[in-house]
Amino acid sequence: MTGDCCCGGDCHDHGHTHRRLLTKEEKLTKLTKYKEDLKKELAAVDQAIDELSK
């Protein structure tokens, strides 16, 4: 997961002048999405382990 920048990363390196910090709601949305992505990745790892265990 990237930092707390509203564009997800290196905006300061590209000359953008928009806000840099996420609101509480934006952080919550971003963390919820990240959590769901991790759940999907864990499910894929569990499936790979099951297949290799057969």
PDB file of N, CA and C in Angstrom:
ATOM      1  N   MET A   1       0.840  -1.165   0.000  1.00  0.00           N
ATOM      2  CA  MET A   1       0.000   0.000   0.000  1.00  0.00           C
ATOM      3  C   MET A   1       0.882   1.223   0.000  1.00  0.00           C
ATOM      4  N   THR A   2       0.476   2.250  -0.727  1.00  0.00           N
ATOM      5  CA  THR A   2       1.269   3.458  -0.806  1.00  0.00           C
ATOM      6  C   THR A   2       0.985   4.358   0.377  1.00  0.00           C
ATOM      7  N   GLY A   3       1.634   5.484   0.414  1.00  0.00           N
ATOM      8  CA  GLY A   3       1.492   6.432   1.508  1.00  0.00           C
ATOM      9  C   GLY A   3       0.125   7.079   1.577  1.00  0.00           C
ATOM     10  N   ASP A   4       0.042   8.140   2.354  1.00  0.00           N
ATOM     11  CA  ASP A   4      -1.232   8.814   2.570  1.00  0.00           C
ATOM     12  C   ASP A   4      -1.488   9.931   1.568  1.00  0.00           C
ATOM     13  N   CYS A   5      -0.822   9.922   0.465  1.00  0.00           N
ATOM     14  CA  CYS A   5      -1.062  10.929  -0.561  1.00  0.00           C
ATOM     15  C   CYS A   5      -2.392  10.627  -1.254  1.00  0.00           C
ATOM     16  N   CYS A   6      -3.118  11.658  -1.605  1.00  0.00           N
ATOM     17  CA  CYS A   6      -4.436  11.450  -2.201  1.00  0.00           C
ATOM     18  C   CYS A   6      -4.357  10.818  -3.585  1.00  0.00           C
ATOM     19  N   CYS A   7      -3.215  10.909  -4.265  1.00  0.00           N
ATOM     20  CA  CYS A   7      -3.107  10.288  -5.580  1.00  0.00           C
ATOM     21  C   CYS A   7      -2.406   8.936  -5.496  1.00  0.00           C
ATOM     22  N   GLY A   8      -2.009   8.523  -4.299  1.00  0.00           N
ATOM     23  CA  GLY A   8      -1.448   7.193  -4.122  1.00  0.00           C
ATOM     24  C   GLY A   8       0.057   7.110  -4.227  1.00  0.00           C
ATOM     25  N   GLY A   9       0.768   8.216  -4.201  1.00  0.00           N
ATOM     26  CA  GLY A   9       2.211   8.057  -4.245  1.00  0.00           C
ATOM     27  C   GLY A   9       3.017   9.303  -4.421  1.00  0.00           C
ATOM     28  N   ASP A  10       3.691   9.411  -5.549  1.00  0.00           N
ATOM     29  CA  ASP A  10       4.757  10.379  -5.740  1.00  0.00           C
ATOM     30  C   ASP A  10       4.298  11.689  -6.360  1.00  0.00           C
ATOM     31  N   CYS A  11       3.169  12.230  -5.965  1.00  0.00           N
ATOM     32  CA  CYS A  11       2.674  13.434  -6.617  1.00  0.00           C
ATOM     33  C   CYS A  11       3.643  14.597  -6.464  1.00  0.00           C
ATOM     34  N   HIS A  12       4.347  14.651  -5.360  1.00  0.00           N
ATOM     35  CA  HIS A  12       5.279  15.765  -5.155  1.00  0.00           C
ATOM     36  C   HIS A  12       6.446  15.720  -6.139  1.00  0.00           C
ATOM     37  N   ASP A  13       6.702  14.584  -6.728  1.00  0.00           N
ATOM     38  CA  ASP A  13       7.779  14.459  -7.700  1.00  0.00           C
ATOM     39  C   ASP A  13       7.345  14.872  -9.101  1.00  0.00           C
ATOM     40  N   HIS A  14       6.058  15.102  -9.294  1.00  0.00           N
ATOM     41  CA  HIS A  14       5.550  15.403 -10.627  1.00  0.00           C
ATOM     42  C   HIS A  14       5.007  16.821 -10.746  1.00  0.00           C
ATOM     43  N   GLY A  15       5.277  17.646  -9.753  1.00  0.00           N
ATOM     44  CA  GLY A  15       4.877  19.036  -9.825  1.00  0.00           C
ATOM     45  C   GLY A  15       3.419  19.319  -9.550  1.00  0.00           C
ATOM     46  N   HIS A  16       2.665  18.352  -9.083  1.00  0.00           N
ATOM     47  CA  HIS A  16       1.254  18.587  -8.757  1.00  0.00           C
ATOM     48  C   HIS A  16       1.162  19.455  -7.514  1.00  0.00           C
ATOM     49  N   THR A  17       0.164  20.289  -7.467  1.00  0.00           N
ATOM     50  CA  THR A  17       0.020  21.185  -6.324  1.00  0.00           C
ATOM     51  C   THR A  17      -1.267  20.946  -5.548  1.00  0.00           C
ATOM     52  N   HIS A  18      -1.912  19.806  -5.748  1.00  0.00           N
ATOM     53  CA  HIS A  18      -3.147  19.517  -5.024  1.00  0.00           C
ATOM     54  C   HIS A  18      -2.839  19.045  -3.615  1.00  0.00           C
ATOM     55  N   ARG A  19      -3.893  18.879  -2.828  1.00  0.00           N
ATOM     56  CA  ARG A  19      -3.707  18.449  -1.439  1.00  0.00           C
ATOM     57  C   ARG A  19      -2.973  17.124  -1.372  1.00  0.00           C
ATOM     58  N   ARG A  20      -2.306  16.870  -0.279  1.00  0.00           N
ATOM     59  CA  ARG A  20      -1.476  15.675  -0.160  1.00  0.00           C
ATOM     60  C   ARG A  20      -2.005  14.664   0.846  1.00  0.00           C
ATOM     61  N   LEU A  21      -2.845  15.086   1.770  1.00  0.00           N
ATOM     62  CA  LEU A  21      -3.314  14.175   2.809  1.00  0.00           C
ATOM     63  C   LEU A  21      -4.730  13.696   2.515  1.00  0.00           C
ATOM     64  N   LEU A  22      -4.993  12.455   2.887  1.00  0.00           N
ATOM     65  CA  LEU A  22      -6.320  11.873   2.708  1.00  0.00           C
ATOM     66  C   LEU A  22      -7.218  12.261   3.878  1.00  0.00           C
ATOM     67  N   THR A  23      -8.500  12.358   3.604  1.00  0.00           N
ATOM     68  CA  THR A  23      -9.461  12.555   4.684  1.00  0.00           C
ATOM     69  C   THR A  23      -9.631  11.222   5.411  1.00  0.00           C
ATOM     70  N   LYS A  24     -10.262  11.265   6.555  1.00  0.00           N
ATOM     71  CA  LYS A  24     -10.537  10.051   7.322  1.00  0.00           C
ATOM     72  C   LYS A  24     -11.337   9.058   6.477  1.00  0.00           C
ATOM     73  N   GLU A  25     -12.336   9.559   5.759  1.00  0.00           N
ATOM     74  CA  GLU A  25     -13.176   8.692   4.928  1.00  0.00           C
ATOM     75  C   GLU A  25     -12.369   8.065   3.790  1.00  0.00           C
ATOM     76  N   GLU A  26     -11.484   8.859   3.176  1.00  0.00           N
ATOM     77  CA  GLU A  26     -10.651   8.334   2.098  1.00  0.00           C
ATOM     78  C   GLU A  26      -9.691   7.265   2.610  1.00  0.00           C
ATOM     79  N   LYS A  27      -9.125   7.495   3.789  1.00  0.00           N
ATOM     80  CA  LYS A  27      -8.235   6.492   4.392  1.00  0.00           C
ATOM     81  C   LYS A  27      -9.001   5.201   4.663  1.00  0.00           C
ATOM     82  N   LEU A  28     -10.218   5.340   5.198  1.00  0.00           N
ATOM     83  CA  LEU A  28     -11.047   4.173   5.496  1.00  0.00           C
ATOM     84  C   LEU A  28     -11.361   3.397   4.230  1.00  0.00           C
ATOM     85  N   THR A  29     -11.730   4.101   3.170  1.00  0.00           N
ATOM     86  CA  THR A  29     -12.029   3.455   1.885  1.00  0.00           C
ATOM     87  C   THR A  29     -10.793   2.740   1.353  1.00  0.00           C
ATOM     88  N   LYS A  30      -9.661   3.407   1.404  1.00  0.00           N
ATOM     89  CA  LYS A  30      -8.419   2.837   0.895  1.00  0.00           C
ATOM     90  C   LYS A  30      -8.011   1.593   1.701  1.00  0.00           C
ATOM     91  N   LEU A  31      -8.117   1.676   3.027  1.00  0.00           N
ATOM     92  CA  LEU A  31      -7.759   0.528   3.868  1.00  0.00           C
ATOM     93  C   LEU A  31      -8.730  -0.632   3.685  1.00  0.00           C
ATOM     94  N   THR A  32     -10.011  -0.334   3.497  1.00  0.00           N
ATOM     95  CA  THR A  32     -11.000  -1.386   3.265  1.00  0.00           C
ATOM     96  C   THR A  32     -10.698  -2.118   1.966  1.00  0.00           C
ATOM     97  N   LYS A  33     -10.368  -1.370   0.923  1.00  0.00           N
ATOM     98  CA  LYS A  33     -10.001  -1.980  -0.363  1.00  0.00           C
ATOM     99  C   LYS A  33      -8.748  -2.822  -0.210  1.00  0.00           C
ATOM    100  N   TYR A  34      -7.767  -2.316   0.497  1.00  0.00           N
ATOM    101  CA  TYR A  34      -6.523  -3.039   0.739  1.00  0.00           C
ATOM    102  C   TYR A  34      -6.794  -4.341   1.492  1.00  0.00           C
ATOM    103  N   LYS A  35      -7.673  -4.285   2.484  1.00  0.00           N
ATOM    104  CA  LYS A  35      -8.048  -5.471   3.251  1.00  0.00           C
ATOM    105  C   LYS A  35      -8.684  -6.524   2.349  1.00  0.00           C
ATOM    106  N   GLU A  36      -9.578  -6.100   1.463  1.00  0.00           N
ATOM    107  CA  GLU A  36     -10.224  -7.032   0.530  1.00  0.00           C
ATOM    108  C   GLU A  36      -9.206  -7.644  -0.427  1.00  0.00           C
ATOM    109  N   ASP A  37      -8.265  -6.832  -0.894  1.00  0.00           N
ATOM    110  CA  ASP A  37      -7.206  -7.350  -1.768  1.00  0.00           C
ATOM    111  C   ASP A  37      -6.354  -8.397  -1.039  1.00  0.00           C
ATOM    112  N   LEU A  38      -6.056  -8.136   0.227  1.00  0.00           N
ATOM    113  CA  LEU A  38      -5.285  -9.101   1.006  1.00  0.00           C
ATOM    114  C   LEU A  38      -6.051 -10.401   1.219  1.00  0.00           C
ATOM    115  N   LYS A  39      -7.356 -10.295   1.451  1.00  0.00           N
ATOM    116  CA  LYS A  39      -8.182 -11.497   1.610  1.00  0.00           C
ATOM    117  C   LYS A  39      -8.150 -12.352   0.344  1.00  0.00           C
ATOM    118  N   LYS A  40      -8.234 -11.691  -0.818  1.00  0.00           N
ATOM    119  CA  LYS A  40      -8.186 -12.417  -2.088  1.00  0.00           C
ATOM    120  C   LYS A  40      -6.829 -13.075  -2.281  1.00  0.00           C
ATOM    121  N   GLU A  41      -5.782 -12.376  -1.920  1.00  0.00           N
ATOM    122  CA  GLU A  41      -4.445 -12.944  -2.058  1.00  0.00           C
ATOM    123  C   GLU A  41      -4.265 -14.128  -1.114  1.00  0.00           C
ATOM    124  N   LEU A  42      -4.765 -14.005   0.110  1.00  0.00           N
ATOM    125  CA  LEU A  42      -4.683 -15.115   1.061  1.00  0.00           C
ATOM    126  C   LEU A  42      -5.456 -16.325   0.556  1.00  0.00           C
ATOM    127  N   ALA A  43      -6.616 -16.104  -0.027  1.00  0.00           N
ATOM    128  CA  ALA A  43      -7.406 -17.212  -0.584  1.00  0.00           C
ATOM    129  C   ALA A  43      -6.635 -17.908  -1.696  1.00  0.00           C
ATOM    130  N   ALA A  44      -5.938 -17.143  -2.524  1.00  0.00           N
ATOM    131  CA  ALA A  44      -5.152 -17.738  -3.606  1.00  0.00           C
ATOM    132  C   ALA A  44      -3.980 -18.547  -3.040  1.00  0.00           C
ATOM    133  N   VAL A  45      -3.360 -18.051  -1.993  1.00  0.00           N
ATOM    134  CA  VAL A  45      -2.266 -18.794  -1.357  1.00  0.00           C
ATOM    135  C   VAL A  45      -2.793 -20.077  -0.735  1.00  0.00           C
ATOM    136  N   ASP A  46      -3.932 -19.986  -0.044  1.00  0.00           N
ATOM    137  CA  ASP A  46      -4.533 -21.192   0.545  1.00  0.00           C
ATOM    138  C   ASP A  46      -4.869 -22.221  -0.532  1.00  0.00           C
ATOM    139  N   GLN A  47      -5.374 -21.770  -1.674  1.00  0.00           N
ATOM    140  CA  GLN A  47      -5.696 -22.678  -2.760  1.00  0.00           C
ATOM    141  C   GLN A  47      -4.424 -23.341  -3.301  1.00  0.00           C
ATOM    142  N   ALA A  48      -3.372 -22.577  -3.455  1.00  0.00           N
ATOM    143  CA  ALA A  48      -2.108 -23.149  -3.943  1.00  0.00           C
ATOM    144  C   ALA A  48      -1.558 -24.178  -2.971  1.00  0.00           C
ATOM    145  N   ILE A  49      -1.669 -23.893  -1.685  1.00  0.00           N
ATOM    146  CA  ILE A  49      -1.214 -24.853  -0.662  1.00  0.00           C
ATOM    147  C   ILE A  49      -2.039 -26.126  -0.731  1.00  0.00           C
ATOM    148  N   ASP A  50      -3.362 -25.988  -0.873  1.00  0.00           N
ATOM    149  CA  ASP A  50      -4.241 -27.164  -0.968  1.00  0.00           C
ATOM    150  C   ASP A  50      -3.884 -28.015  -2.189  1.00  0.00           C
ATOM    151  N   GLU A  51      -3.654 -27.355  -3.305  1.00  0.00           N
ATOM    152  CA  GLU A  51      -3.325 -28.095  -4.528  1.00  0.00           C
ATOM    153  C   GLU A  51      -1.992 -28.808  -4.413  1.00  0.00           C
ATOM    154  N   LEU A  52      -1.030 -28.179  -3.770  1.00  0.00           N
ATOM    155  CA  LEU A  52       0.292 -28.811  -3.613  1.00  0.00           C
ATOM    156  C   LEU A  52       0.275 -29.925  -2.564  1.00  0.00           C
ATOM    157  N   SER A  53      -0.694 -29.876  -1.662  1.00  0.00           N
ATOM    158  CA  SER A  53      -0.776 -30.873  -0.600  1.00  0.00           C
ATOM    159  C   SER A  53      -1.416 -32.181  -1.067  1.00  0.00           C
ATOM    160  N   LYS A  54      -2.012 -32.192  -2.240  1.00  0.00           N
ATOM    161  CA  LYS A  54      -2.708 -33.389  -2.737  1.00  0.00           C
ATOM    162  C   LYS A  54      -1.721 -34.385  -3.286  1.00  0.00           C
TER     163      LYS A  54
END
